Full PDB file with SEQRES, HELIX, SHEET, SSBOND, CRYST1, ORIGX, SCALE, CONECT and MASTER records, all heavy atoms in Angstrom:
SEQRES   1 A   33  CYS ALA GLY ALA GLY THR GLY ALA THR VAL ALA LYS ALA          
SEQRES   2 A   33  LEU GLY LEU GLU ARG ALA LEU LYS GLY GLY ILE GLY CYS          
SEQRES   3 A   33  ALA ALA GLU LYS THR ALA SER                                  
HELIX    1 AA1 GLY A    3  GLY A    5  5                                   3    
HELIX    2 AA2 LEU A   16  ARG A   18  5                                   3    
SHEET    1 AA1 2 THR A   9  VAL A  10  0                                        
SHEET    2 AA1 2 LEU A  20  LYS A  21 -1                                        
CRYST1    1.000    1.000    1.000  90.00  90.00  90.00 P 1           1          
ORIGX1      1.000000  0.000000  0.000000        0.00000                         
ORIGX2      0.000000  1.000000  0.000000        0.00000                         
ORIGX3      0.000000  0.000000  1.000000        0.00000                         
SCALE1      1.000000  0.000000  0.000000        0.00000                         
SCALE2      0.000000  1.000000  0.000000        0.00000                         
SCALE3      0.000000  0.000000  1.000000        0.00000                         
ATOM      1  N   CYS A   1       8.696 230.332  73.594  1.00  0.00           N  
ATOM      2  CA  CYS A   1       8.991 229.116  74.367  1.00  0.00           C  
ATOM      3  C   CYS A   1      10.465 229.083  74.754  1.00  0.00           C  
ATOM      4  O   CYS A   1      11.254 228.309  74.199  1.00  0.00           O  
ATOM      5  CB  CYS A   1       8.609 227.881  73.571  1.00  0.00           C  
ATOM      6  SG  CYS A   1       6.850 227.796  73.206  1.00  0.00           S  
ATOM      7  N   ALA A   2      10.837 229.930  75.681  1.00  0.00           N  
ATOM      8  CA  ALA A   2      12.216 230.021  76.155  1.00  0.00           C  
ATOM      9  C   ALA A   2      12.208 230.310  77.644  1.00  0.00           C  
ATOM     10  O   ALA A   2      11.268 230.916  78.171  1.00  0.00           O  
ATOM     11  CB  ALA A   2      12.972 231.123  75.407  1.00  0.00           C  
ATOM     12  N   GLY A   3      13.246 229.854  78.327  1.00  0.00           N  
ATOM     13  CA  GLY A   3      13.383 230.142  79.746  1.00  0.00           C  
ATOM     14  C   GLY A   3      12.145 229.788  80.537  1.00  0.00           C  
ATOM     15  O   GLY A   3      11.547 228.721  80.372  1.00  0.00           O  
ATOM     16  N   ALA A   4      11.742 230.704  81.415  1.00  0.00           N  
ATOM     17  CA  ALA A   4      10.595 230.454  82.284  1.00  0.00           C  
ATOM     18  C   ALA A   4       9.297 230.279  81.516  1.00  0.00           C  
ATOM     19  O   ALA A   4       8.318 229.756  82.057  1.00  0.00           O  
ATOM     20  CB  ALA A   4      10.454 231.594  83.292  1.00  0.00           C  
ATOM     21  N   GLY A   5       9.263 230.694  80.262  1.00  0.00           N  
ATOM     22  CA  GLY A   5       8.056 230.564  79.462  1.00  0.00           C  
ATOM     23  C   GLY A   5       7.950 229.274  78.686  1.00  0.00           C  
ATOM     24  O   GLY A   5       6.950 229.048  77.990  1.00  0.00           O  
ATOM     25  N   THR A   6       8.936 228.392  78.811  1.00  0.00           N  
ATOM     26  CA  THR A   6       8.975 227.189  77.976  1.00  0.00           C  
ATOM     27  C   THR A   6       7.732 226.328  78.137  1.00  0.00           C  
ATOM     28  O   THR A   6       7.132 225.873  77.155  1.00  0.00           O  
ATOM     29  CB  THR A   6      10.226 226.348  78.298  1.00  0.00           C  
ATOM     30  OG1 THR A   6      11.391 227.162  78.147  1.00  0.00           O  
ATOM     31  CG2 THR A   6      10.328 225.146  77.363  1.00  0.00           C  
ATOM     32  N   GLY A   7       7.320 226.051  79.361  1.00  0.00           N  
ATOM     33  CA  GLY A   7       6.170 225.187  79.600  1.00  0.00           C  
ATOM     34  C   GLY A   7       4.891 225.932  79.923  1.00  0.00           C  
ATOM     35  O   GLY A   7       3.921 225.323  80.391  1.00  0.00           O  
ATOM     36  N   ALA A   8       4.871 227.233  79.666  1.00  0.00           N  
ATOM     37  CA  ALA A   8       3.713 228.049  80.024  1.00  0.00           C  
ATOM     38  C   ALA A   8       2.530 227.790  79.092  1.00  0.00           C  
ATOM     39  O   ALA A   8       2.691 227.530  77.899  1.00  0.00           O  
ATOM     40  CB  ALA A   8       4.089 229.529  79.977  1.00  0.00           C  
ATOM     41  N   THR A   9       1.328 227.879  79.657  1.00  0.00           N  
ATOM     42  CA  THR A   9       0.087 227.753  78.894  1.00  0.00           C  
ATOM     43  C   THR A   9      -0.877 228.848  79.330  1.00  0.00           C  
ATOM     44  O   THR A   9      -0.743 229.410  80.422  1.00  0.00           O  
ATOM     45  CB  THR A   9      -0.567 226.373  79.107  1.00  0.00           C  
ATOM     46  OG1 THR A   9      -0.649 226.108  80.521  1.00  0.00           O  
ATOM     47  CG2 THR A   9       0.251 225.270  78.448  1.00  0.00           C  
ATOM     48  N   VAL A  10      -1.876 229.142  78.481  1.00  0.00           N  
ATOM     49  CA  VAL A  10      -2.843 230.198  78.792  1.00  0.00           C  
ATOM     50  C   VAL A  10      -4.250 229.729  78.436  1.00  0.00           C  
ATOM     51  O   VAL A  10      -4.435 228.718  77.771  1.00  0.00           O  
ATOM     52  CB  VAL A  10      -2.526 231.506  78.026  1.00  0.00           C  
ATOM     53  CG1 VAL A  10      -1.132 232.016  78.375  1.00  0.00           C  
ATOM     54  CG2 VAL A  10      -2.651 231.304  76.505  1.00  0.00           C  
ATOM     55  N   ALA A  11      -5.244 230.498  78.892  1.00  0.00           N  
ATOM     56  CA  ALA A  11      -6.648 230.296  78.517  1.00  0.00           C  
ATOM     57  C   ALA A  11      -7.166 228.917  78.943  1.00  0.00           C  
ATOM     58  O   ALA A  11      -7.541 228.091  78.127  1.00  0.00           O  
ATOM     59  CB  ALA A  11      -6.822 230.498  77.016  1.00  0.00           C  
ATOM     60  N   LYS A  12      -7.205 228.675  80.256  1.00  0.00           N  
ATOM     61  CA  LYS A  12      -7.515 227.346  80.778  1.00  0.00           C  
ATOM     62  C   LYS A  12      -8.881 227.231  81.442  1.00  0.00           C  
ATOM     63  O   LYS A  12      -9.125 226.336  82.249  1.00  0.00           O  
ATOM     64  CB  LYS A  12      -6.398 226.917  81.728  1.00  0.00           C  
ATOM     65  CG  LYS A  12      -5.125 226.529  80.976  1.00  0.00           C  
ATOM     66  CD  LYS A  12      -3.919 226.421  81.873  1.00  0.00           C  
ATOM     67  CE  LYS A  12      -3.299 227.763  82.129  1.00  0.00           C  
ATOM     68  NZ  LYS A  12      -1.935 227.701  82.658  1.00  0.00           N  
ATOM     69  N   ALA A  13      -9.824 228.112  81.085  1.00  0.00           N  
ATOM     70  CA  ALA A  13     -11.150 228.060  81.693  1.00  0.00           C  
ATOM     71  C   ALA A  13     -11.901 226.788  81.330  1.00  0.00           C  
ATOM     72  O   ALA A  13     -12.816 226.374  82.059  1.00  0.00           O  
ATOM     73  CB  ALA A  13     -11.975 229.279  81.282  1.00  0.00           C  
ATOM     74  N   LEU A  14     -11.554 226.146  80.214  1.00  0.00           N  
ATOM     75  CA  LEU A  14     -12.183 224.884  79.814  1.00  0.00           C  
ATOM     76  C   LEU A  14     -11.231 223.712  79.972  1.00  0.00           C  
ATOM     77  O   LEU A  14     -11.419 222.653  79.365  1.00  0.00           O  
ATOM     78  CB  LEU A  14     -12.669 224.984  78.358  1.00  0.00           C  
ATOM     79  CG  LEU A  14     -13.800 225.990  78.118  1.00  0.00           C  
ATOM     80  CD1 LEU A  14     -14.144 226.068  76.642  1.00  0.00           C  
ATOM     81  CD2 LEU A  14     -15.037 225.614  78.935  1.00  0.00           C  
ATOM     82  N   GLY A  15     -10.210 223.893  80.804  1.00  0.00           N  
ATOM     83  CA  GLY A  15      -9.253 222.826  81.063  1.00  0.00           C  
ATOM     84  C   GLY A  15      -8.030 222.917  80.173  1.00  0.00           C  
ATOM     85  O   GLY A  15      -8.019 223.597  79.150  1.00  0.00           O  
ATOM     86  N   LEU A  16      -6.991 222.207  80.572  1.00  0.00           N  
ATOM     87  CA  LEU A  16      -5.732 222.245  79.837  1.00  0.00           C  
ATOM     88  C   LEU A  16      -5.890 221.701  78.421  1.00  0.00           C  
ATOM     89  O   LEU A  16      -5.195 222.134  77.501  1.00  0.00           O  
ATOM     90  CB  LEU A  16      -4.666 221.449  80.600  1.00  0.00           C  
ATOM     91  CG  LEU A  16      -3.241 221.532  80.044  1.00  0.00           C  
ATOM     92  CD1 LEU A  16      -2.719 222.968  80.098  1.00  0.00           C  
ATOM     93  CD2 LEU A  16      -2.305 220.607  80.828  1.00  0.00           C  
ATOM     94  N   GLU A  17      -6.829 220.769  78.241  1.00  0.00           N  
ATOM     95  CA  GLU A  17      -7.015 220.179  76.910  1.00  0.00           C  
ATOM     96  C   GLU A  17      -7.557 221.188  75.900  1.00  0.00           C  
ATOM     97  O   GLU A  17      -7.534 220.941  74.696  1.00  0.00           O  
ATOM     98  CB  GLU A  17      -7.949 218.974  76.986  1.00  0.00           C  
ATOM     99  CG  GLU A  17      -9.359 219.278  77.413  1.00  0.00           C  
ATOM    100  CD  GLU A  17      -9.553 219.310  78.921  1.00  0.00           C  
ATOM    101  OE1 GLU A  17      -8.531 219.323  79.655  1.00  0.00           O  
ATOM    102  OE2 GLU A  17     -10.717 219.324  79.366  1.00  0.00           O  
ATOM    103  N   ARG A  18      -8.009 222.350  76.355  1.00  0.00           N  
ATOM    104  CA  ARG A  18      -8.509 223.394  75.454  1.00  0.00           C  
ATOM    105  C   ARG A  18      -7.636 224.649  75.533  1.00  0.00           C  
ATOM    106  O   ARG A  18      -8.014 225.702  75.008  1.00  0.00           O  
ATOM    107  CB  ARG A  18      -9.956 223.745  75.820  1.00  0.00           C  
ATOM    108  CG  ARG A  18     -10.909 222.565  75.822  1.00  0.00           C  
ATOM    109  CD  ARG A  18     -11.409 222.203  74.460  1.00  0.00           C  
ATOM    110  NE  ARG A  18     -12.398 223.155  73.990  1.00  0.00           N  
ATOM    111  CZ  ARG A  18     -13.701 223.126  74.307  1.00  0.00           C  
ATOM    112  NH1 ARG A  18     -14.163 222.170  75.107  1.00  0.00           N  
ATOM    113  NH2 ARG A  18     -14.539 224.014  73.805  1.00  0.00           N  
ATOM    114  N   ALA A  19      -6.484 224.544  76.190  1.00  0.00           N  
ATOM    115  CA  ALA A  19      -5.596 225.696  76.389  1.00  0.00           C  
ATOM    116  C   ALA A  19      -4.739 225.947  75.153  1.00  0.00           C  
ATOM    117  O   ALA A  19      -4.710 225.169  74.200  1.00  0.00           O  
ATOM    118  CB  ALA A  19      -4.702 225.464  77.608  1.00  0.00           C  
ATOM    119  N   LEU A  20      -4.005 227.059  75.193  1.00  0.00           N  
ATOM    120  CA  LEU A  20      -3.038 227.413  74.159  1.00  0.00           C  
ATOM    121  C   LEU A  20      -1.700 227.700  74.813  1.00  0.00           C  
ATOM    122  O   LEU A  20      -1.593 227.860  76.026  1.00  0.00           O  
ATOM    123  CB  LEU A  20      -3.518 228.631  73.366  1.00  0.00           C  
ATOM    124  CG  LEU A  20      -4.708 228.381  72.431  1.00  0.00           C  
ATOM    125  CD1 LEU A  20      -5.278 229.700  71.946  1.00  0.00           C  
ATOM    126  CD2 LEU A  20      -4.306 227.512  71.252  1.00  0.00           C  
ATOM    127  N   LYS A  21      -0.674 227.768  73.994  1.00  0.00           N  
ATOM    128  CA  LYS A  21       0.683 227.931  74.508  1.00  0.00           C  
ATOM    129  C   LYS A  21       0.936 229.354  74.991  1.00  0.00           C  
ATOM    130  O   LYS A  21       0.616 230.322  74.307  1.00  0.00           O  
ATOM    131  CB  LYS A  21       1.682 227.565  73.406  1.00  0.00           C  
ATOM    132  CG  LYS A  21       3.095 227.372  73.894  1.00  0.00           C  
ATOM    133  CD  LYS A  21       3.223 226.123  74.749  1.00  0.00           C  
ATOM    134  CE  LYS A  21       4.612 226.062  75.357  1.00  0.00           C  
ATOM    135  NZ  LYS A  21       4.866 227.151  76.314  1.00  0.00           N  
ATOM    136  N   GLY A  22       1.517 229.458  76.167  1.00  0.00           N  
ATOM    137  CA  GLY A  22       2.016 230.728  76.668  1.00  0.00           C  
ATOM    138  C   GLY A  22       3.504 230.846  76.359  1.00  0.00           C  
ATOM    139  O   GLY A  22       4.050 230.113  75.535  1.00  0.00           O  
ATOM    140  N   GLY A  23       4.180 231.759  77.051  1.00  0.00           N  
ATOM    141  CA  GLY A  23       5.607 231.938  76.803  1.00  0.00           C  
ATOM    142  C   GLY A  23       6.149 233.115  77.580  1.00  0.00           C  
ATOM    143  O   GLY A  23       5.546 233.561  78.566  1.00  0.00           O  
ATOM    144  N   ILE A  24       7.274 233.632  77.132  1.00  0.00           N  
ATOM    145  CA  ILE A  24       7.891 234.797  77.761  1.00  0.00           C  
ATOM    146  C   ILE A  24       8.048 235.888  76.705  1.00  0.00           C  
ATOM    147  O   ILE A  24       8.351 235.601  75.536  1.00  0.00           O  
ATOM    148  CB  ILE A  24       9.250 234.433  78.402  1.00  0.00           C  
ATOM    149  CG1 ILE A  24       9.718 235.541  79.351  1.00  0.00           C  
ATOM    150  CG2 ILE A  24      10.319 234.088  77.354  1.00  0.00           C  
ATOM    151  CD1 ILE A  24      10.836 235.107  80.289  1.00  0.00           C  
ATOM    152  N   GLY A  25       7.773 237.110  77.104  1.00  0.00           N  
ATOM    153  CA  GLY A  25       7.833 238.216  76.153  1.00  0.00           C  
ATOM    154  C   GLY A  25       8.369 239.478  76.797  1.00  0.00           C  
ATOM    155  O   GLY A  25       8.400 239.599  78.022  1.00  0.00           O  
ATOM    156  N   CYS A  26       8.787 240.420  75.967  1.00  0.00           N  
ATOM    157  CA  CYS A  26       9.329 241.671  76.484  1.00  0.00           C  
ATOM    158  C   CYS A  26       8.847 242.854  75.658  1.00  0.00           C  
ATOM    159  O   CYS A  26       8.469 242.718  74.494  1.00  0.00           O  
ATOM    160  CB  CYS A  26      10.857 241.634  76.538  1.00  0.00           C  
ATOM    161  SG  CYS A  26      11.663 241.089  75.035  1.00  0.00           S  
ATOM    162  N   ALA A  27       8.825 244.007  76.295  1.00  0.00           N  
ATOM    163  CA  ALA A  27       8.434 245.257  75.644  1.00  0.00           C  
ATOM    164  C   ALA A  27       9.006 246.395  76.468  1.00  0.00           C  
ATOM    165  O   ALA A  27       9.351 246.219  77.648  1.00  0.00           O  
ATOM    166  CB  ALA A  27       6.915 245.375  75.543  1.00  0.00           C  
ATOM    167  N   ALA A  28       9.126 247.563  75.862  1.00  0.00           N  
ATOM    168  CA  ALA A  28       9.691 248.712  76.566  1.00  0.00           C  
ATOM    169  C   ALA A  28       8.989 249.990  76.147  1.00  0.00           C  
ATOM    170  O   ALA A  28       8.424 250.083  75.053  1.00  0.00           O  
ATOM    171  CB  ALA A  28      11.193 248.822  76.297  1.00  0.00           C  
ATOM    172  N   GLU A  29       9.011 250.966  77.032  1.00  0.00           N  
ATOM    173  CA  GLU A  29       8.497 252.308  76.774  1.00  0.00           C  
ATOM    174  C   GLU A  29       9.560 253.308  77.201  1.00  0.00           C  
ATOM    175  O   GLU A  29      10.399 253.012  78.056  1.00  0.00           O  
ATOM    176  CB  GLU A  29       7.211 252.560  77.571  1.00  0.00           C  
ATOM    177  CG  GLU A  29       6.060 251.631  77.227  1.00  0.00           C  
ATOM    178  CD  GLU A  29       5.415 251.950  75.895  1.00  0.00           C  
ATOM    179  OE1 GLU A  29       5.577 253.102  75.420  1.00  0.00           O  
ATOM    180  OE2 GLU A  29       4.755 251.065  75.318  1.00  0.00           O  
ATOM    181  N   LYS A  30       9.527 254.510  76.604  1.00  0.00           N  
ATOM    182  CA  LYS A  30      10.519 255.533  76.924  1.00  0.00           C  
ATOM    183  C   LYS A  30       9.825 256.873  77.090  1.00  0.00           C  
ATOM    184  O   LYS A  30       8.920 257.218  76.324  1.00  0.00           O  
ATOM    185  CB  LYS A  30      11.577 255.605  75.824  1.00  0.00           C  
ATOM    186  CG  LYS A  30      12.735 256.526  76.148  1.00  0.00           C  
ATOM    187  CD  LYS A  30      13.891 256.339  75.177  1.00  0.00           C  
ATOM    188  CE  LYS A  30      14.670 255.077  75.465  1.00  0.00           C  
ATOM    189  NZ  LYS A  30      15.967 255.030  74.760  1.00  0.00           N  
ATOM    190  N   THR A  31      10.245 257.624  78.108  1.00  0.00           N  
ATOM    191  CA  THR A  31       9.706 258.956  78.325  1.00  0.00           C  
ATOM    192  C   THR A  31      10.321 259.932  77.321  1.00  0.00           C  
ATOM    193  O   THR A  31      11.345 259.639  76.687  1.00  0.00           O  
ATOM    194  CB  THR A  31      10.015 259.457  79.745  1.00  0.00           C  
ATOM    195  OG1 THR A  31      11.422 259.729  79.853  1.00  0.00           O  
ATOM    196  CG2 THR A  31       9.613 258.434  80.797  1.00  0.00           C  
ATOM    197  N   ALA A  32       9.708 261.100  77.195  1.00  0.00           N  
ATOM    198  CA  ALA A  32      10.244 262.122  76.297  1.00  0.00           C  
ATOM    199  C   ALA A  32      11.633 262.567  76.721  1.00  0.00           C  
ATOM    200  O   ALA A  32      12.442 262.991  75.891  1.00  0.00           O  
ATOM    201  CB  ALA A  32       9.293 263.317  76.254  1.00  0.00           C  
ATOM    202  N   SER A  33      11.933 262.430  78.015  1.00  0.00           N  
ATOM    203  CA  SER A  33      13.257 262.823  78.508  1.00  0.00           C  
ATOM    204  C   SER A  33      14.301 261.727  78.332  1.00  0.00           C  
ATOM    205  O   SER A  33      15.474 261.926  78.634  1.00  0.00           O  
ATOM    206  CB  SER A  33      13.171 263.204  79.994  1.00  0.00           C  
ATOM    207  OG  SER A  33      12.775 262.084  80.776  1.00  0.00           O  
TER     208      SER A  33                                                      
MASTER        0    0    0    2    2    0    0    6  207    1    0    3          
END                                                                             
């Protein structure tokens, strides 16, 4: 719950009243080189 993810929500097929909190996340990958 930071920055652009502060008010984010997910899983809203049954409406916002059944949703869960979203957010902002990061991850990285690296090549062998």
